[in-house]
Amino acid sequence: MIITKTPFRVSFCGGGSDLKAFYEKQEGCVISATVNKYMYISIHPYFDHERISLKYSKTELVDRADRIEHRILREALMEYGVTGVEITSTADIPAGTGLGSSSSFTVGLIHTLNAYTGRPSDKAGMAEHACDIEINRLGSPIGKQDQYAAAFGGLNFIRFLPGGETLVEPVKMKKETLALLDKRLLMFYTGRLHDANRILTEQSANMKKTDKTQGLKQMCGLALELRKALEQDRLDSFGTLLHENWLIKKTLASGITAPEIDAVYETAMRHGAKGGKLLGAGGGGFLLFYCEEDRQAELRESLNLREMPFHMEQDGTAEIFRE
């Protein structure tokens, strides 16, 4: 048996510039961090060597990989030609909450299958492989940041070059500043799931509109500004930059926000948050806020939402068990 764990991520600034419709014309960039919430995937020889047993949110038992219902599992197992196995996935947080769970699943699955078949597993290779499966082969209207975040781990400035190359550059800051940032980030569940594909399809189409493209350019500028502030160990502008990014993000496509979400956000800003954003494509999931320690109790009380305690992590996808 082999088990891997692959982290989820929170994105701070620049999300959306990782869509091909944007970065093929102009370099995109995001700042994101992986968190200690994970996708676990295990693989084990199955009793029936002619079948494949799959356990995720549902159970499948098939005799051929091309009969698998789960699109990512089907595509990956057809490629690897693996049969006679049982594959199980378990996640700390459900899909549709804005933490990049789908891409964490894909990266984790590739890592697990590589380990099982003896193939090499370098981080960049796994990230690009996941992008190829999700974007090129399955046609998902998503970007590339989640795959690279899940593979590499840590707090990174990720660049998306017009030629298709992706560069992951760790944000260099003092441990004390990173620990303080970790304490000041709070995450709350809105109670709503989102349809990322629908929102991202519209957002990609909107790249033909000058104002939408300009919005993403401004968000990339905020990501650059945030990187500079963090590498100078300045957290004073973190909340403001997060807030400015969210104000622009809301204009990129319909469905990114909703009146109920806006109301929660405005309440948070009145009760201690310096800035925040809805994670992922939008529409639901988790709200992230930057709030200094002396007002965190006030913020929690004012929102009356389920908080998801978390910490940033540094490792990316990892094999954690082999027997």
Foldseek 3Di string as FASTA:
>chain_A
DWKKKWFFKFWQFLPLCLFLLNQLVPKGKTKMATWPWIKMKDKDFAPDQQWEWEEEVHIDIGRDLCPDPPQLSSVVCVVLVHGRMYMYMDTRDDPQQQRLVVLRVQLRVVVNSCVVVVHDRDLVVSLVVSCCSQCVVVNQLHGRPRSSCRSFGGTWMWMQHSVGDIDTHHQDADPVLQVQQQVQKWKFFPPDGDDQRVLSVQLSVCSVPPLLSVLSVVRRVLRVVVSVCRSVSHPPCSAVSSASRQVSLPPRGPQQEDPSRVVLQVQLVVQFFSHWHRHHSHNGHMIMTGGHDVRPVRSCVSNVGDIDRIGTDGGRMDIDDDD
